[in-house]
Amino acid sequence: MPHCRIRGALAEYADGFRAELDSLGYTAWSREYKVNQASRLSHWLVDQDLAAGDLDDARLASFLATMATSRRRPPTKSALKPLLDFLRAQGVLVPTGATEPEPLDELMDAYRRWMITQRGLSDRTIDRYEKTARRFLRTHATAPGCGTELLTAQAVAGFLLAEANCARCCGSCM
């Protein structure tokens, strides 16, 4: 398995972050995915002429906005939570309650971890399932939080049948 290298502002924390992810139960592939996200953040910090300790909520938001315009599947605040927690534990970042992820992001990250660890799905399949789930939840989960407590099996089945019909007629809805 290839190891992602972190250069720049977060380079000195790479081995510790890997060890932390291992202790949290991440698989080798998902661990390296998280390290790759840390590498992107590290490069961005260098490009902005910032050190690791300069990262705050506003700069994190700026990084996420930059990634949203340049990546097919950009990282979310929730996806970076293990890294941010690790950096706080190392005393690099000041503890703050402002990095709370959105409920939908937390749900989608848990769904992604489940697809990786429990189902062993390929990255391409995981991306497709995640996009479909996000489309469904954006239109059907409208309660406070992410609204999943009000979902019914009928709503899920109806959505998936419409997706299948669209894919059959149009070639793909994605």
C-alpha atoms as a PDB file:
ATOM      1  CA  MET A   1       0.000   0.000   0.000  1.00  0.00           C
ATOM      2  CA  PRO A   2       1.389   3.407  -0.959  1.00  0.00           C
ATOM      3  CA  HIS A   3       1.980   5.910   1.806  1.00  0.00           C
ATOM      4  CA  CYS A   4       0.870   9.473   1.239  1.00  0.00           C
ATOM      5  CA  ARG A   5       3.605  11.904   2.194  1.00  0.00           C
ATOM      6  CA  ILE A   6       2.869  15.094   4.032  1.00  0.00           C
ATOM      7  CA  ARG A   7       5.207  17.938   3.265  1.00  0.00           C
ATOM      8  CA  GLY A   8       5.095  21.463   4.537  1.00  0.00           C
ATOM      9  CA  ALA A   9       3.294  22.871   7.550  1.00  0.00           C
ATOM     10  CA  LEU A  10       1.957  19.543   8.890  1.00  0.00           C
ATOM     11  CA  ALA A  11       4.933  17.322   7.949  1.00  0.00           C
ATOM     12  CA  GLU A  12       6.173  16.852  11.503  1.00  0.00           C
ATOM     13  CA  TYR A  13       2.761  15.499  12.587  1.00  0.00           C
ATOM     14  CA  ALA A  14       2.361  12.892   9.826  1.00  0.00           C
ATOM     15  CA  ASP A  15       3.621   9.832  11.730  1.00  0.00           C
ATOM     16  CA  GLY A  16       1.692  10.731  14.864  1.00  0.00           C
ATOM     17  CA  PHE A  17      -1.485  11.326  12.876  1.00  0.00           C
ATOM     18  CA  ARG A  18      -1.098   7.927  11.174  1.00  0.00           C
ATOM     19  CA  ALA A  19      -0.657   6.263  14.555  1.00  0.00           C
ATOM     20  CA  GLU A  20      -3.727   8.092  15.887  1.00  0.00           C
ATOM     21  CA  LEU A  21      -5.840   6.889  12.960  1.00  0.00           C
ATOM     22  CA  ASP A  22      -4.609   3.336  13.531  1.00  0.00           C
ATOM     23  CA  SER A  23      -5.603   3.574  17.190  1.00  0.00           C
ATOM     24  CA  LEU A  24      -9.059   4.818  16.138  1.00  0.00           C
ATOM     25  CA  GLY A  25      -9.536   1.672  14.026  1.00  0.00           C
ATOM     26  CA  TYR A  26      -9.153   3.095  10.536  1.00  0.00           C
ATOM     27  CA  THR A  27      -8.217   0.587   7.837  1.00  0.00           C
ATOM     28  CA  ALA A  28      -4.951   1.127   5.966  1.00  0.00           C
ATOM     29  CA  TRP A  29      -6.781   2.544   2.928  1.00  0.00           C
ATOM     30  CA  SER A  30      -9.023   4.873   4.906  1.00  0.00           C
ATOM     31  CA  ARG A  31      -6.044   5.949   7.031  1.00  0.00           C
ATOM     32  CA  GLU A  32      -4.089   6.949   3.914  1.00  0.00           C
ATOM     33  CA  TYR A  33      -7.160   8.754   2.572  1.00  0.00           C
ATOM     34  CA  LYS A  34      -7.229  10.866   5.755  1.00  0.00           C
ATOM     35  CA  VAL A  35      -3.472  11.448   5.532  1.00  0.00           C
ATOM     36  CA  ASN A  36      -3.955  12.601   1.937  1.00  0.00           C
ATOM     37  CA  GLN A  37      -6.516  15.147   3.154  1.00  0.00           C
ATOM     38  CA  ALA A  38      -3.975  16.337   5.740  1.00  0.00           C
ATOM     39  CA  SER A  39      -1.391  16.619   2.957  1.00  0.00           C
ATOM     40  CA  ARG A  40      -3.709  18.865   0.927  1.00  0.00           C
ATOM     41  CA  LEU A  41      -4.280  21.073   3.959  1.00  0.00           C
ATOM     42  CA  SER A  42      -0.535  21.201   4.622  1.00  0.00           C
ATOM     43  CA  HIS A  43       0.194  22.303   1.044  1.00  0.00           C
ATOM     44  CA  TRP A  44      -2.550  24.916   1.257  1.00  0.00           C
ATOM     45  CA  LEU A  45      -1.087  26.295   4.499  1.00  0.00           C
ATOM     46  CA  VAL A  46       2.324  26.636   2.816  1.00  0.00           C
ATOM     47  CA  ASP A  47       0.749  28.328  -0.200  1.00  0.00           C
ATOM     48  CA  GLN A  48      -0.877  30.820   2.186  1.00  0.00           C
ATOM     49  CA  ASP A  49       2.451  31.327   4.002  1.00  0.00           C
ATOM     50  CA  LEU A  50       0.943  29.949   7.227  1.00  0.00           C
ATOM     51  CA  ALA A  51       2.217  27.559   9.894  1.00  0.00           C
ATOM     52  CA  ALA A  52       0.192  24.716  11.410  1.00  0.00           C
ATOM     53  CA  GLY A  53      -0.613  26.797  14.498  1.00  0.00           C
ATOM     54  CA  ASP A  54      -2.088  29.554  12.320  1.00  0.00           C
ATOM     55  CA  LEU A  55      -5.025  27.343  11.365  1.00  0.00           C
ATOM     56  CA  ASP A  56      -8.290  28.681  12.763  1.00  0.00           C
ATOM     57  CA  ASP A  57     -11.969  28.422  11.817  1.00  0.00           C
ATOM     58  CA  ALA A  58     -11.811  31.199   9.218  1.00  0.00           C
ATOM     59  CA  ARG A  59      -8.737  29.717   7.538  1.00  0.00           C
ATOM     60  CA  LEU A  60     -10.240  26.235   7.640  1.00  0.00           C
ATOM     61  CA  ALA A  61     -13.361  27.611   5.939  1.00  0.00           C
ATOM     62  CA  SER A  62     -11.153  29.240   3.302  1.00  0.00           C
ATOM     63  CA  PHE A  63      -9.326  25.940   2.715  1.00  0.00           C
ATOM     64  CA  LEU A  64     -12.618  24.054   2.365  1.00  0.00           C
ATOM     65  CA  ALA A  65     -13.927  26.668  -0.075  1.00  0.00           C
ATOM     66  CA  THR A  66     -10.747  26.344  -2.155  1.00  0.00           C
ATOM     67  CA  MET A  67     -11.050  22.558  -2.196  1.00  0.00           C
ATOM     68  CA  ALA A  68     -14.731  22.778  -3.155  1.00  0.00           C
ATOM     69  CA  THR A  69     -13.790  24.538  -6.386  1.00  0.00           C
ATOM     70  CA  SER A  70     -10.826  22.339  -7.278  1.00  0.00           C
ATOM     71  CA  ARG A  71     -11.775  18.792  -6.212  1.00  0.00           C
ATOM     72  CA  ARG A  72     -14.351  16.311  -7.426  1.00  0.00           C
ATOM     73  CA  ARG A  73     -15.114  15.305  -3.847  1.00  0.00           C
ATOM     74  CA  PRO A  74     -13.712  17.966  -1.536  1.00  0.00           C
ATOM     75  CA  PRO A  75     -13.139  17.287   2.158  1.00  0.00           C
ATOM     76  CA  THR A  76     -15.676  18.509   4.671  1.00  0.00           C
ATOM     77  CA  LYS A  77     -15.188  19.974   8.125  1.00  0.00           C
ATOM     78  CA  SER A  78     -16.439  16.688   9.541  1.00  0.00           C
ATOM     79  CA  ALA A  79     -13.980  14.697   7.440  1.00  0.00           C
ATOM     80  CA  LEU A  80     -11.113  16.759   8.871  1.00  0.00           C
ATOM     81  CA  LYS A  81     -12.269  16.271  12.472  1.00  0.00           C
ATOM     82  CA  PRO A  82      -9.772  13.458  13.240  1.00  0.00           C
ATOM     83  CA  LEU A  83      -6.904  15.673  12.051  1.00  0.00           C
ATOM     84  CA  LEU A  84      -8.154  18.734  13.916  1.00  0.00           C
ATOM     85  CA  ASP A  85      -8.694  16.700  17.101  1.00  0.00           C
ATOM     86  CA  PHE A  86      -5.185  15.266  16.770  1.00  0.00           C
ATOM     87  CA  LEU A  87      -3.643  18.718  16.263  1.00  0.00           C
ATOM     88  CA  ARG A  88      -5.545  20.044  19.294  1.00  0.00           C
ATOM     89  CA  ALA A  89      -4.316  17.116  21.397  1.00  0.00           C
ATOM     90  CA  GLN A  90      -0.755  17.947  20.294  1.00  0.00           C
ATOM     91  CA  GLY A  91      -1.243  21.546  21.417  1.00  0.00           C
ATOM     92  CA  VAL A  92      -0.912  22.875  17.867  1.00  0.00           C
ATOM     93  CA  LEU A  93      -4.445  24.275  17.687  1.00  0.00           C
ATOM     94  CA  VAL A  94      -6.339  26.128  20.354  1.00  0.00           C
ATOM     95  CA  PRO A  95      -9.388  24.128  21.516  1.00  0.00           C
ATOM     96  CA  THR A  96     -12.598  25.599  20.161  1.00  0.00           C
ATOM     97  CA  GLY A  97     -16.196  24.523  19.875  1.00  0.00           C
ATOM     98  CA  ALA A  98     -16.591  26.247  16.511  1.00  0.00           C
ATOM     99  CA  THR A  99     -15.409  23.262  14.445  1.00  0.00           C
ATOM    100  CA  GLU A 100     -18.570  21.262  15.016  1.00  0.00           C
ATOM    101  CA  PRO A 101     -19.486  19.469  11.798  1.00  0.00           C
ATOM    102  CA  GLU A 102     -22.864  19.711  10.158  1.00  0.00           C
ATOM    103  CA  PRO A 103     -25.211  16.798  11.000  1.00  0.00           C
ATOM    104  CA  LEU A 104     -25.367  15.671   7.352  1.00  0.00           C
ATOM    105  CA  ASP A 105     -21.555  15.651   7.146  1.00  0.00           C
ATOM    106  CA  GLU A 106     -21.325  13.496  10.275  1.00  0.00           C
ATOM    107  CA  LEU A 107     -23.903  11.089   8.881  1.00  0.00           C
ATOM    108  CA  MET A 108     -22.168  10.871   5.490  1.00  0.00           C
ATOM    109  CA  ASP A 109     -18.756  10.317   7.085  1.00  0.00           C
ATOM    110  CA  ALA A 110     -20.192   7.488   9.188  1.00  0.00           C
ATOM    111  CA  TYR A 111     -21.838   6.035   6.068  1.00  0.00           C
ATOM    112  CA  ARG A 112     -18.522   6.227   4.178  1.00  0.00           C
ATOM    113  CA  ARG A 113     -16.640   4.511   7.038  1.00  0.00           C
ATOM    114  CA  TRP A 114     -19.296   1.781   7.123  1.00  0.00           C
ATOM    115  CA  MET A 115     -19.021   1.225   3.356  1.00  0.00           C
ATOM    116  CA  ILE A 116     -15.223   0.959   3.659  1.00  0.00           C
ATOM    117  CA  THR A 117     -14.899  -1.107   6.827  1.00  0.00           C
ATOM    118  CA  GLN A 118     -18.016  -3.266   6.782  1.00  0.00           C
ATOM    119  CA  ARG A 119     -18.791  -3.610   3.097  1.00  0.00           C
ATOM    120  CA  GLY A 120     -15.297  -3.296   1.594  1.00  0.00           C
ATOM    121  CA  LEU A 121     -16.633  -1.400  -1.417  1.00  0.00           C
ATOM    122  CA  SER A 122     -14.423   0.163  -4.082  1.00  0.00           C
ATOM    123  CA  ASP A 123     -13.788   3.917  -4.072  1.00  0.00           C
ATOM    124  CA  ARG A 124     -15.859   4.362  -7.226  1.00  0.00           C
ATOM    125  CA  THR A 125     -18.845   2.535  -5.737  1.00  0.00           C
ATOM    126  CA  ILE A 126     -18.531   4.428  -2.460  1.00  0.00           C
ATOM    127  CA  ASP A 127     -18.478   7.768  -4.305  1.00  0.00           C
ATOM    128  CA  ARG A 128     -21.582   6.821  -6.300  1.00  0.00           C
ATOM    129  CA  TYR A 129     -23.478   5.605  -3.220  1.00  0.00           C
ATOM    130  CA  GLU A 130     -22.495   8.704  -1.271  1.00  0.00           C
ATOM    131  CA  LYS A 131     -23.660  11.064  -4.039  1.00  0.00           C
ATOM    132  CA  THR A 132     -26.972   9.222  -4.249  1.00  0.00           C
ATOM    133  CA  ALA A 133     -27.426   9.324  -0.467  1.00  0.00           C
ATOM    134  CA  ARG A 134     -26.644  13.067  -0.366  1.00  0.00           C
ATOM    135  CA  ARG A 135     -29.179  13.751  -3.138  1.00  0.00           C
ATOM    136  CA  PHE A 136     -31.791  11.771  -1.264  1.00  0.00           C
ATOM    137  CA  LEU A 137     -31.110  13.391   2.101  1.00  0.00           C
ATOM    138  CA  ARG A 138     -31.058  16.938   0.683  1.00  0.00           C
ATOM    139  CA  THR A 139     -34.577  16.491  -0.684  1.00  0.00           C
ATOM    140  CA  HIS A 140     -36.161  14.140   1.853  1.00  0.00           C
ATOM    141  CA  ALA A 141     -34.566  14.815   5.234  1.00  0.00           C
ATOM    142  CA  THR A 142     -35.924  18.216   6.227  1.00  0.00           C
ATOM    143  CA  ALA A 143     -36.287  17.978  10.009  1.00  0.00           C
ATOM    144  CA  PRO A 144     -33.854  19.722  12.391  1.00  0.00           C
ATOM    145  CA  GLY A 145     -30.431  18.115  12.288  1.00  0.00           C
ATOM    146  CA  CYS A 146     -30.280  15.878   9.259  1.00  0.00           C
ATOM    147  CA  GLY A 147     -33.912  14.772   9.541  1.00  0.00           C
ATOM    148  CA  THR A 148     -33.360  11.053   9.200  1.00  0.00           C
ATOM    149  CA  GLU A 149     -35.674  10.261  12.106  1.00  0.00           C
ATOM    150  CA  LEU A 150     -38.685  11.082   9.892  1.00  0.00           C
ATOM    151  CA  LEU A 151     -37.657   8.976   6.884  1.00  0.00           C
ATOM    152  CA  THR A 152     -39.720   5.976   5.875  1.00  0.00           C
ATOM    153  CA  ALA A 153     -38.877   2.860   3.910  1.00  0.00           C
ATOM    154  CA  GLN A 154     -41.473   3.978   1.369  1.00  0.00           C
ATOM    155  CA  ALA A 155     -39.641   7.282   0.788  1.00  0.00           C
ATOM    156  CA  VAL A 156     -36.315   5.485   0.309  1.00  0.00           C
ATOM    157  CA  ALA A 157     -37.792   2.861  -2.027  1.00  0.00           C
ATOM    158  CA  GLY A 158     -39.598   5.507  -4.078  1.00  0.00           C
ATOM    159  CA  PHE A 159     -36.438   7.557  -4.464  1.00  0.00           C
ATOM    160  CA  LEU A 160     -34.347   4.542  -5.503  1.00  0.00           C
ATOM    161  CA  LEU A 161     -36.974   3.418  -8.032  1.00  0.00           C
ATOM    162  CA  ALA A 162     -36.998   6.915  -9.546  1.00  0.00           C
ATOM    163  CA  GLU A 163     -33.179   6.867  -9.681  1.00  0.00           C
ATOM    164  CA  ALA A 164     -33.183   3.474 -11.399  1.00  0.00           C
ATOM    165  CA  ASN A 165     -35.815   4.609 -13.882  1.00  0.00           C
ATOM    166  CA  CYS A 166     -33.857   7.779 -14.648  1.00  0.00           C
ATOM    167  CA  ALA A 167     -30.623   5.806 -15.133  1.00  0.00           C
ATOM    168  CA  ARG A 168     -32.393   3.369 -17.468  1.00  0.00           C
ATOM    169  CA  CYS A 169     -33.970   6.150 -19.554  1.00  0.00           C
ATOM    170  CA  CYS A 170     -31.204   8.729 -19.496  1.00  0.00           C
ATOM    171  CA  GLY A 171     -28.136   6.530 -19.204  1.00  0.00           C
ATOM    172  CA  SER A 172     -27.252   8.073 -15.840  1.00  0.00           C
ATOM    173  CA  CYS A 173     -28.560  10.700 -13.439  1.00  0.00           C
ATOM    174  CA  MET A 174     -25.256  11.251 -11.722  1.00  0.00           C
END
